[in-house]
Amino acid sequence: MAASRCSQRPSSALQHILSTSRPHNGSLPAFLVPAFTSQPRPSRFSTTAPTRSKIGRAPLSLPPEVSFTLTQAAPSHGSGGSHVPRTQQGQQGSQVEITGPKGTMKLAIPPYMSIVDNAENKTKTLSVSNADNKAQREMWGTIRAYLQNHILGVSEGHTAILRLVGVGYRATIEPTALTKQPAYPGQKFVSLKVGYSHPIELGLPEGVTASTPQPTRILLEGVEKEVVMQFAAEIRAWRKPEPYKGKGIFVNDETIKLKAKKIK
C-alpha cells in the first residue's frame, strides 16, 4: 500500500505544479498534451472531415435536341409506361417527360422535390423541402441520377459490349427461336454457344437492339440504361468469368484477377 501511494504522489504533484506554473497563453508543451487530455478523440479510419454527396444538387444540362416537360401526375401504383421508384409508389407528385431523337422517357417525381429551371444556362436543378430528412436526401441523388440517365438515353443512347472469352464461344442474333415464343411482334433472340449441350436463346427486351460485330462480341443498345444493363447481366449469368483460365462472358471493361494453379 505504501509503495502504491508513493507511486501516485509524484503524478499528482506534477499536475499541481503544471497547473500553477502554466504560461500566460495557457498552452502545455507538445510532449505533455497527450497525457493530460481529458477526453481522447475516437480513432477513425479516415482523417478527413465527413462530407455529404453533391450529386443531388448538381445541375442537369440539356442538349439542344432534348425537351424537358414537367407536368402534374396522378397517384401512381407502379403500373404504366413511366418509371416509378419503389419509395414513391402511391404518392402524388409531378411527372417529368424527356423527349429526344432516340425516344421518350418518363419519370415520377416525389411531392417533396422541386425542379428549378435556369433559362440563362439552360440547366435544371433539383431541390428538396427538407435537406435534413434522410429519406429525402437519399431520393435527391437517386432522382437526379435517373434524370441524367434518361437525358443521355434519349439523346445518345446507352450501350453495353459483351466479350465471350473461351474456346468455341460465339453468339448470333436470330429472328426466331426454337425453344421460346416471341413476347411481342418482331422480337429477336440472342443465341449463345458457350459450352452447353442445349441451345441458349434469350429474347431481347422491348426497346433494346443487339448486333454482333464479331462472333465473340455482342453490342446492346437501348434508351433505358437499367433495361440494357439488366439484359447484359442475364447474358453474363450463363458463363460468369472464372479466375483460373479467365474464361467467361465479360461486360464492358470488366476484368478478373487470375489465381495461381495448384501444383502438387
C-alpha atoms as a PDB file:
ATOM      1  CA  MET A   1       0.000   0.000   0.000  1.00  0.00           C
ATOM      2  CA  ALA A   2       2.809   2.407   0.888  1.00  0.00           C
ATOM      3  CA  ALA A   3       4.553   1.692  -2.379  1.00  0.00           C
ATOM      4  CA  SER A   4       1.392   2.316  -4.357  1.00  0.00           C
ATOM      5  CA  ARG A   5       0.757   5.610  -2.542  1.00  0.00           C
ATOM      6  CA  CYS A   6       4.316   6.724  -3.209  1.00  0.00           C
ATOM      7  CA  SER A   7       3.914   5.905  -6.871  1.00  0.00           C
ATOM      8  CA  GLN A   8       0.788   8.069  -7.056  1.00  0.00           C
ATOM      9  CA  ARG A   9       2.166  11.142  -5.254  1.00  0.00           C
ATOM     10  CA  PRO A  10       4.605  12.309  -7.988  1.00  0.00           C
ATOM     11  CA  SER A  11       1.912  12.312 -10.632  1.00  0.00           C
ATOM     12  CA  SER A  12      -0.490  14.427  -8.552  1.00  0.00           C
ATOM     13  CA  ALA A  13       2.321  16.765  -7.527  1.00  0.00           C
ATOM     14  CA  LEU A  14       3.389  17.115 -11.126  1.00  0.00           C
ATOM     15  CA  GLN A  15      -0.168  18.006 -12.151  1.00  0.00           C
ATOM     16  CA  HIS A  16      -0.340  20.667  -9.396  1.00  0.00           C
ATOM     17  CA  ILE A  17       2.979  22.203 -10.438  1.00  0.00           C
ATOM     18  CA  LEU A  18       1.966  22.315 -14.098  1.00  0.00           C
ATOM     19  CA  SER A  19      -1.430  23.855 -13.301  1.00  0.00           C
ATOM     20  CA  THR A  20       0.090  26.617 -11.172  1.00  0.00           C
ATOM     21  CA  SER A  21       3.095  27.344 -13.362  1.00  0.00           C
ATOM     22  CA  ARG A  22       1.441  27.427 -16.801  1.00  0.00           C
ATOM     23  CA  PRO A  23       2.477  30.157 -19.204  1.00  0.00           C
ATOM     24  CA  HIS A  24       0.146  33.079 -19.691  1.00  0.00           C
ATOM     25  CA  ASN A  25      -1.072  31.751 -23.036  1.00  0.00           C
ATOM     26  CA  GLY A  26      -2.456  28.598 -21.288  1.00  0.00           C
ATOM     27  CA  SER A  27      -0.653  26.080 -23.526  1.00  0.00           C
ATOM     28  CA  LEU A  28       1.258  22.937 -22.487  1.00  0.00           C
ATOM     29  CA  PRO A  29       4.428  21.585 -24.057  1.00  0.00           C
ATOM     30  CA  ALA A  30       3.753  19.389 -27.049  1.00  0.00           C
ATOM     31  CA  PHE A  31       5.096  16.216 -25.404  1.00  0.00           C
ATOM     32  CA  LEU A  32       2.733  16.606 -22.404  1.00  0.00           C
ATOM     33  CA  VAL A  33      -0.510  17.341 -24.287  1.00  0.00           C
ATOM     34  CA  PRO A  34      -1.481  13.690 -24.983  1.00  0.00           C
ATOM     35  CA  ALA A  35      -1.059  12.732 -21.311  1.00  0.00           C
ATOM     36  CA  PHE A  36      -3.336  15.470 -19.953  1.00  0.00           C
ATOM     37  CA  THR A  37      -6.210  15.407 -22.430  1.00  0.00           C
ATOM     38  CA  SER A  38      -9.455  14.850 -20.543  1.00  0.00           C
ATOM     39  CA  GLN A  39     -11.461  13.269 -23.420  1.00  0.00           C
ATOM     40  CA  PRO A  40      -9.375  11.384 -26.003  1.00  0.00           C
ATOM     41  CA  ARG A  41     -10.674  11.583 -29.554  1.00  0.00           C
ATOM     42  CA  PRO A  42     -12.114   8.371 -31.006  1.00  0.00           C
ATOM     43  CA  SER A  43      -9.926   6.739 -33.600  1.00  0.00           C
ATOM     44  CA  ARG A  44     -11.267   6.732 -37.180  1.00  0.00           C
ATOM     45  CA  PHE A  45     -10.222   5.061 -40.377  1.00  0.00           C
ATOM     46  CA  SER A  46     -10.123   8.372 -42.244  1.00  0.00           C
ATOM     47  CA  THR A  47      -8.717  11.680 -41.050  1.00  0.00           C
ATOM     48  CA  THR A  48     -10.729  13.798 -43.498  1.00  0.00           C
ATOM     49  CA  ALA A  49     -13.911  15.534 -42.393  1.00  0.00           C
ATOM     50  CA  PRO A  50     -17.180  13.808 -43.434  1.00  0.00           C
ATOM     51  CA  THR A  51     -18.927  15.500 -46.365  1.00  0.00           C
ATOM     52  CA  ARG A  52     -22.316  14.982 -47.977  1.00  0.00           C
ATOM     53  CA  SER A  53     -22.809  13.876 -51.545  1.00  0.00           C
ATOM     54  CA  LYS A  54     -23.128  16.628 -54.135  1.00  0.00           C
ATOM     55  CA  ILE A  55     -24.948  14.528 -56.742  1.00  0.00           C
ATOM     56  CA  GLY A  56     -28.448  15.790 -55.972  1.00  0.00           C
ATOM     57  CA  ARG A  57     -27.631  19.487 -56.183  1.00  0.00           C
ATOM     58  CA  ALA A  58     -25.575  19.195 -59.388  1.00  0.00           C
ATOM     59  CA  PRO A  59     -27.366  20.890 -62.321  1.00  0.00           C
ATOM     60  CA  LEU A  60     -28.685  18.908 -65.288  1.00  0.00           C
ATOM     61  CA  SER A  61     -27.510  20.059 -68.711  1.00  0.00           C
ATOM     62  CA  LEU A  62     -29.929  19.598 -71.610  1.00  0.00           C
ATOM     63  CA  PRO A  63     -28.748  19.105 -75.197  1.00  0.00           C
ATOM     64  CA  PRO A  64     -30.441  21.332 -77.787  1.00  0.00           C
ATOM     65  CA  GLU A  65     -32.433  18.436 -79.283  1.00  0.00           C
ATOM     66  CA  VAL A  66     -33.888  17.280 -75.929  1.00  0.00           C
ATOM     67  CA  SER A  67     -37.124  18.663 -74.471  1.00  0.00           C
ATOM     68  CA  PHE A  68     -37.844  18.565 -70.724  1.00  0.00           C
ATOM     69  CA  THR A  69     -41.504  18.815 -69.687  1.00  0.00           C
ATOM     70  CA  LEU A  70     -42.789  18.877 -66.099  1.00  0.00           C
ATOM     71  CA  THR A  71     -46.471  18.073 -65.512  1.00  0.00           C
ATOM     72  CA  GLN A  72     -48.680  17.223 -62.555  1.00  0.00           C
ATOM     73  CA  ALA A  73     -49.157  13.468 -62.264  1.00  0.00           C
ATOM     74  CA  ALA A  74     -51.949  11.391 -60.768  1.00  0.00           C
ATOM     75  CA  PRO A  75     -51.237   8.897 -57.950  1.00  0.00           C
ATOM     76  CA  SER A  76     -49.229   6.011 -59.376  1.00  0.00           C
ATOM     77  CA  HIS A  77     -49.042   2.448 -58.094  1.00  0.00           C
ATOM     78  CA  GLY A  78     -46.193   1.154 -60.245  1.00  0.00           C
ATOM     79  CA  SER A  79     -48.160   0.450 -63.431  1.00  0.00           C
ATOM     80  CA  GLY A  80     -47.884   2.190 -66.770  1.00  0.00           C
ATOM     81  CA  GLY A  81     -45.047   3.220 -69.012  1.00  0.00           C
ATOM     82  CA  SER A  82     -43.276   5.598 -66.635  1.00  0.00           C
ATOM     83  CA  HIS A  83     -40.557   4.502 -64.256  1.00  0.00           C
ATOM     84  CA  VAL A  84     -41.659   4.744 -60.603  1.00  0.00           C
ATOM     85  CA  PRO A  85     -39.097   4.105 -57.832  1.00  0.00           C
ATOM     86  CA  ARG A  86     -40.316   1.848 -55.042  1.00  0.00           C
ATOM     87  CA  THR A  87     -40.240   4.583 -52.383  1.00  0.00           C
ATOM     88  CA  GLN A  88     -42.526   6.819 -54.487  1.00  0.00           C
ATOM     89  CA  GLN A  89     -45.313   4.380 -55.301  1.00  0.00           C
ATOM     90  CA  GLY A  90     -48.699   5.639 -54.124  1.00  0.00           C
ATOM     91  CA  GLN A  91     -47.539   9.258 -53.707  1.00  0.00           C
ATOM     92  CA  GLN A  92     -48.894  12.148 -55.727  1.00  0.00           C
ATOM     93  CA  GLY A  93     -46.279  14.431 -57.214  1.00  0.00           C
ATOM     94  CA  SER A  94     -45.157  15.647 -60.613  1.00  0.00           C
ATOM     95  CA  GLN A  95     -44.025  13.780 -63.693  1.00  0.00           C
ATOM     96  CA  VAL A  96     -41.133  14.554 -65.999  1.00  0.00           C
ATOM     97  CA  GLU A  97     -41.279  13.681 -69.688  1.00  0.00           C
ATOM     98  CA  ILE A  98     -37.980  13.774 -71.574  1.00  0.00           C
ATOM     99  CA  THR A  99     -38.103  13.555 -75.370  1.00  0.00           C
ATOM    100  CA  GLY A 100     -35.171  13.261 -77.750  1.00  0.00           C
ATOM    101  CA  PRO A 101     -34.110  11.735 -81.076  1.00  0.00           C
ATOM    102  CA  LYS A 102     -33.918   8.225 -79.587  1.00  0.00           C
ATOM    103  CA  GLY A 103     -37.327   8.211 -77.892  1.00  0.00           C
ATOM    104  CA  THR A 104     -39.276   9.393 -74.863  1.00  0.00           C
ATOM    105  CA  MET A 105     -38.774   8.612 -71.171  1.00  0.00           C
ATOM    106  CA  LYS A 106     -40.987   9.446 -68.196  1.00  0.00           C
ATOM    107  CA  LEU A 107     -40.145   9.645 -64.505  1.00  0.00           C
ATOM    108  CA  ALA A 108     -42.343  10.294 -61.467  1.00  0.00           C
ATOM    109  CA  ILE A 109     -41.067  12.978 -59.067  1.00  0.00           C
ATOM    110  CA  PRO A 110     -41.970  12.778 -55.343  1.00  0.00           C
ATOM    111  CA  PRO A 111     -44.045  15.650 -53.916  1.00  0.00           C
ATOM    112  CA  TYR A 112     -41.269  16.920 -51.612  1.00  0.00           C
ATOM    113  CA  MET A 113     -38.945  17.559 -54.579  1.00  0.00           C
ATOM    114  CA  SER A 114     -38.978  20.564 -56.902  1.00  0.00           C
ATOM    115  CA  ILE A 115     -37.158  21.343 -60.159  1.00  0.00           C
ATOM    116  CA  VAL A 116     -35.858  24.861 -60.838  1.00  0.00           C
ATOM    117  CA  ASP A 117     -35.335  25.971 -64.425  1.00  0.00           C
ATOM    118  CA  ASN A 118     -32.351  28.188 -65.221  1.00  0.00           C
ATOM    119  CA  ALA A 119     -33.070  29.768 -68.603  1.00  0.00           C
ATOM    120  CA  GLU A 120     -29.684  31.505 -68.886  1.00  0.00           C
ATOM    121  CA  ASN A 121     -27.549  28.368 -68.578  1.00  0.00           C
ATOM    122  CA  LYS A 122     -30.259  26.028 -69.936  1.00  0.00           C
ATOM    123  CA  THR A 123     -29.983  23.758 -66.924  1.00  0.00           C
ATOM    124  CA  LYS A 124     -32.329  22.133 -64.404  1.00  0.00           C
ATOM    125  CA  THR A 125     -31.606  21.970 -60.677  1.00  0.00           C
ATOM    126  CA  LEU A 126     -33.316  19.702 -58.143  1.00  0.00           C
ATOM    127  CA  SER A 127     -34.080  20.660 -54.546  1.00  0.00           C
ATOM    128  CA  VAL A 128     -35.913  19.043 -51.619  1.00  0.00           C
ATOM    129  CA  SER A 129     -38.121  20.655 -48.981  1.00  0.00           C
ATOM    130  CA  ASN A 130     -36.137  19.282 -46.007  1.00  0.00           C
ATOM    131  CA  ALA A 131     -32.462  18.539 -46.605  1.00  0.00           C
ATOM    132  CA  ASP A 132     -32.086  17.165 -43.048  1.00  0.00           C
ATOM    133  CA  ASN A 133     -34.507  14.304 -43.762  1.00  0.00           C
ATOM    134  CA  LYS A 134     -32.544  11.145 -44.563  1.00  0.00           C
ATOM    135  CA  ALA A 135     -35.134   9.693 -46.961  1.00  0.00           C
ATOM    136  CA  GLN A 136     -35.345  12.943 -48.918  1.00  0.00           C
ATOM    137  CA  ARG A 137     -31.553  13.195 -49.187  1.00  0.00           C
ATOM    138  CA  GLU A 138     -31.346   9.632 -50.483  1.00  0.00           C
ATOM    139  CA  MET A 139     -34.020  10.197 -53.145  1.00  0.00           C
ATOM    140  CA  TRP A 140     -32.462  13.553 -54.037  1.00  0.00           C
ATOM    141  CA  GLY A 141     -29.401  11.935 -55.579  1.00  0.00           C
ATOM    142  CA  THR A 142     -31.365   8.946 -56.923  1.00  0.00           C
ATOM    143  CA  ILE A 143     -33.858  11.043 -58.886  1.00  0.00           C
ATOM    144  CA  ARG A 144     -31.079  13.228 -60.241  1.00  0.00           C
ATOM    145  CA  ALA A 145     -29.173  10.139 -61.438  1.00  0.00           C
ATOM    146  CA  TYR A 146     -32.325   8.750 -63.100  1.00  0.00           C
ATOM    147  CA  LEU A 147     -32.935  12.044 -64.914  1.00  0.00           C
ATOM    148  CA  GLN A 148     -29.323  12.214 -66.097  1.00  0.00           C
ATOM    149  CA  ASN A 149     -29.524   8.662 -67.449  1.00  0.00           C
ATOM    150  CA  HIS A 150     -32.807   9.426 -69.237  1.00  0.00           C
ATOM    151  CA  ILE A 151     -31.381  12.586 -70.826  1.00  0.00           C
ATOM    152  CA  LEU A 152     -28.360  10.659 -72.071  1.00  0.00           C
ATOM    153  CA  GLY A 153     -30.560   7.780 -73.234  1.00  0.00           C
ATOM    154  CA  VAL A 154     -32.927   9.826 -75.410  1.00  0.00           C
ATOM    155  CA  SER A 155     -30.076  11.876 -76.913  1.00  0.00           C
ATOM    156  CA  GLU A 156     -27.246   9.365 -77.443  1.00  0.00           C
ATOM    157  CA  GLY A 157     -28.494   6.029 -76.100  1.00  0.00           C
ATOM    158  CA  HIS A 158     -26.893   3.548 -73.702  1.00  0.00           C
ATOM    159  CA  THR A 159     -24.671   0.696 -74.851  1.00  0.00           C
ATOM    160  CA  ALA A 160     -23.174  -2.456 -73.367  1.00  0.00           C
ATOM    161  CA  ILE A 161     -20.453  -4.550 -75.001  1.00  0.00           C
ATOM    162  CA  LEU A 162     -20.146  -8.200 -74.016  1.00  0.00           C
ATOM    163  CA  ARG A 163     -16.989 -10.196 -74.732  1.00  0.00           C
ATOM    164  CA  LEU A 164     -17.147 -14.003 -74.989  1.00  0.00           C
ATOM    165  CA  VAL A 165     -13.803 -15.472 -73.923  1.00  0.00           C
ATOM    166  CA  GLY A 166     -13.400 -19.213 -74.373  1.00  0.00           C
ATOM    167  CA  VAL A 167     -12.706 -21.900 -76.949  1.00  0.00           C
ATOM    168  CA  GLY A 168     -15.711 -22.222 -79.248  1.00  0.00           C
ATOM    169  CA  TYR A 169     -17.684 -19.421 -77.569  1.00  0.00           C
ATOM    170  CA  ARG A 170     -19.766 -17.405 -80.016  1.00  0.00           C
ATOM    171  CA  ALA A 171     -23.099 -15.602 -80.319  1.00  0.00           C
ATOM    172  CA  THR A 172     -25.575 -14.838 -83.083  1.00  0.00           C
ATOM    173  CA  ILE A 173     -28.756 -12.775 -83.406  1.00  0.00           C
ATOM    174  CA  GLU A 174     -31.668 -14.835 -84.710  1.00  0.00           C
ATOM    175  CA  PRO A 175     -35.148 -13.661 -85.830  1.00  0.00           C
ATOM    176  CA  THR A 176     -36.788 -16.795 -84.405  1.00  0.00           C
ATOM    177  CA  ALA A 177     -36.093 -19.230 -81.583  1.00  0.00           C
ATOM    178  CA  LEU A 178     -36.524 -22.979 -81.261  1.00  0.00           C
ATOM    179  CA  THR A 179     -37.227 -23.069 -77.536  1.00  0.00           C
ATOM    180  CA  LYS A 180     -39.147 -19.824 -76.955  1.00  0.00           C
ATOM    181  CA  GLN A 181     -42.081 -17.917 -78.357  1.00  0.00           C
ATOM    182  CA  PRO A 182     -41.792 -14.164 -79.106  1.00  0.00           C
ATOM    183  CA  ALA A 183     -43.178 -11.957 -76.346  1.00  0.00           C
ATOM    184  CA  TYR A 184     -44.020  -9.128 -78.769  1.00  0.00           C
ATOM    185  CA  PRO A 185     -44.182  -8.851 -82.579  1.00  0.00           C
ATOM    186  CA  GLY A 186     -40.779  -8.673 -84.224  1.00  0.00           C
ATOM    187  CA  GLN A 187     -38.812  -9.801 -81.172  1.00  0.00           C
ATOM    188  CA  LYS A 188     -35.302 -11.106 -81.898  1.00  0.00           C
ATOM    189  CA  PHE A 189     -33.260 -13.573 -79.888  1.00  0.00           C
ATOM    190  CA  VAL A 190     -29.637 -13.824 -78.793  1.00  0.00           C
ATOM    191  CA  SER A 191     -28.324 -17.355 -79.395  1.00  0.00           C
ATOM    192  CA  LEU A 192     -25.320 -18.334 -77.278  1.00  0.00           C
ATOM    193  CA  LYS A 193     -22.902 -21.214 -77.716  1.00  0.00           C
ATOM    194  CA  VAL A 194     -20.829 -21.255 -74.552  1.00  0.00           C
ATOM    195  CA  GLY A 195     -20.206 -24.934 -73.877  1.00  0.00           C
ATOM    196  CA  TYR A 196     -23.701 -26.262 -73.148  1.00  0.00           C
ATOM    197  CA  SER A 197     -25.269 -29.244 -74.899  1.00  0.00           C
ATOM    198  CA  HIS A 198     -28.606 -27.443 -75.357  1.00  0.00           C
ATOM    199  CA  PRO A 199     -29.248 -24.154 -77.204  1.00  0.00           C
ATOM    200  CA  ILE A 200     -29.379 -20.957 -75.146  1.00  0.00           C
ATOM    201  CA  GLU A 201     -31.803 -18.408 -76.576  1.00  0.00           C
ATOM    202  CA  LEU A 202     -32.600 -15.119 -74.856  1.00  0.00           C
ATOM    203  CA  GLY A 203     -35.310 -12.786 -76.114  1.00  0.00           C
ATOM    204  CA  LEU A 204     -34.406  -9.119 -76.461  1.00  0.00           C
ATOM    205  CA  PRO A 205     -36.391  -6.785 -74.190  1.00  0.00           C
ATOM    206  CA  GLU A 206     -38.613  -4.242 -75.877  1.00  0.00           C
ATOM    207  CA  GLY A 207     -36.625  -1.144 -76.789  1.00  0.00           C
ATOM    208  CA  VAL A 208     -33.245  -2.934 -76.881  1.00  0.00           C
ATOM    209  CA  THR A 209     -31.386  -3.787 -80.082  1.00  0.00           C
ATOM    210  CA  ALA A 210     -28.491  -6.226 -80.401  1.00  0.00           C
ATOM    211  CA  SER A 211     -25.805  -6.854 -83.002  1.00  0.00           C
ATOM    212  CA  THR A 212     -22.677  -8.991 -83.287  1.00  0.00           C
ATOM    213  CA  PRO A 213     -19.750  -7.076 -84.840  1.00  0.00           C
ATOM    214  CA  GLN A 214     -17.663 -10.214 -84.235  1.00  0.00           C
ATOM    215  CA  PRO A 215     -18.684 -13.762 -83.351  1.00  0.00           C
ATOM    216  CA  THR A 216     -17.336 -13.195 -79.829  1.00  0.00           C
ATOM    217  CA  ARG A 217     -18.818  -9.694 -79.321  1.00  0.00           C
ATOM    218  CA  ILE A 218     -22.383  -8.633 -78.526  1.00  0.00           C
ATOM    219  CA  LEU A 219     -23.388  -4.975 -78.748  1.00  0.00           C
ATOM    220  CA  LEU A 220     -26.561  -3.980 -76.858  1.00  0.00           C
ATOM    221  CA  GLU A 221     -28.170  -0.577 -77.443  1.00  0.00           C
ATOM    222  CA  GLY A 222     -31.204   0.996 -75.812  1.00  0.00           C
ATOM    223  CA  VAL A 223     -32.758   4.139 -74.397  1.00  0.00           C
ATOM    224  CA  GLU A 224     -33.144   2.981 -70.788  1.00  0.00           C
ATOM    225  CA  LYS A 225     -29.861   2.170 -69.075  1.00  0.00           C
ATOM    226  CA  GLU A 226     -31.447  -0.076 -66.450  1.00  0.00           C
ATOM    227  CA  VAL A 227     -33.006  -2.370 -69.058  1.00  0.00           C
ATOM    228  CA  VAL A 228     -29.809  -2.578 -71.138  1.00  0.00           C
ATOM    229  CA  MET A 229     -27.570  -3.454 -68.200  1.00  0.00           C
ATOM    230  CA  GLN A 230     -30.093  -5.905 -66.744  1.00  0.00           C
ATOM    231  CA  PHE A 231     -30.234  -7.850 -70.013  1.00  0.00           C
ATOM    232  CA  ALA A 232     -26.421  -7.798 -70.171  1.00  0.00           C
ATOM    233  CA  ALA A 233     -26.341  -9.302 -66.662  1.00  0.00           C
ATOM    234  CA  GLU A 234     -28.749 -12.060 -67.749  1.00  0.00           C
ATOM    235  CA  ILE A 235     -26.432 -12.989 -70.634  1.00  0.00           C
ATOM    236  CA  ARG A 236     -23.389 -12.889 -68.359  1.00  0.00           C
ATOM    237  CA  ALA A 237     -25.080 -15.218 -65.850  1.00  0.00           C
ATOM    238  CA  TRP A 238     -24.769 -18.154 -68.294  1.00  0.00           C
ATOM    239  CA  ARG A 239     -20.959 -18.052 -68.125  1.00  0.00           C
ATOM    240  CA  LYS A 240     -19.616 -15.948 -65.285  1.00  0.00           C
ATOM    241  CA  PRO A 241     -15.883 -15.205 -65.551  1.00  0.00           C
ATOM    242  CA  GLU A 242     -13.825 -17.801 -63.696  1.00  0.00           C
ATOM    243  CA  PRO A 243     -10.443 -16.964 -62.117  1.00  0.00           C
ATOM    244  CA  TYR A 244      -8.325 -19.949 -63.222  1.00  0.00           C
ATOM    245  CA  LYS A 245      -8.420 -19.834 -67.035  1.00  0.00           C
ATOM    246  CA  GLY A 246     -10.063 -16.424 -67.412  1.00  0.00           C
ATOM    247  CA  LYS A 247     -12.965 -17.791 -69.463  1.00  0.00           C
ATOM    248  CA  GLY A 248     -16.471 -16.412 -69.388  1.00  0.00           C
ATOM    249  CA  ILE A 249     -18.653 -13.515 -70.545  1.00  0.00           C
ATOM    250  CA  PHE A 250     -17.308 -10.066 -69.662  1.00  0.00           C
ATOM    251  CA  VAL A 251     -19.426  -6.880 -69.683  1.00  0.00           C
ATOM    252  CA  ASN A 252     -17.805  -3.628 -70.881  1.00  0.00           C
ATOM    253  CA  ASP A 253     -14.420  -3.108 -69.167  1.00  0.00           C
ATOM    254  CA  GLU A 254     -14.828  -5.943 -66.676  1.00  0.00           C
ATOM    255  CA  THR A 255     -11.646  -7.815 -65.769  1.00  0.00           C
ATOM    256  CA  ILE A 256     -10.789 -10.651 -63.411  1.00  0.00           C
ATOM    257  CA  LYS A 257      -7.618 -11.442 -61.490  1.00  0.00           C
ATOM    258  CA  LEU A 258      -6.302 -14.897 -62.295  1.00  0.00           C
ATOM    259  CA  LYS A 259      -5.432 -17.259 -59.453  1.00  0.00           C
ATOM    260  CA  ALA A 260      -2.334 -19.400 -59.361  1.00  0.00           C
ATOM    261  CA  LYS A 261      -2.841 -23.039 -60.307  1.00  0.00           C
ATOM    262  CA  LYS A 262      -2.416 -25.600 -57.573  1.00  0.00           C
ATOM    263  CA  ILE A 263       0.621 -27.747 -58.372  1.00  0.00           C
ATOM    264  CA  LYS A 264       1.186 -30.819 -56.217  1.00  0.00           C
END
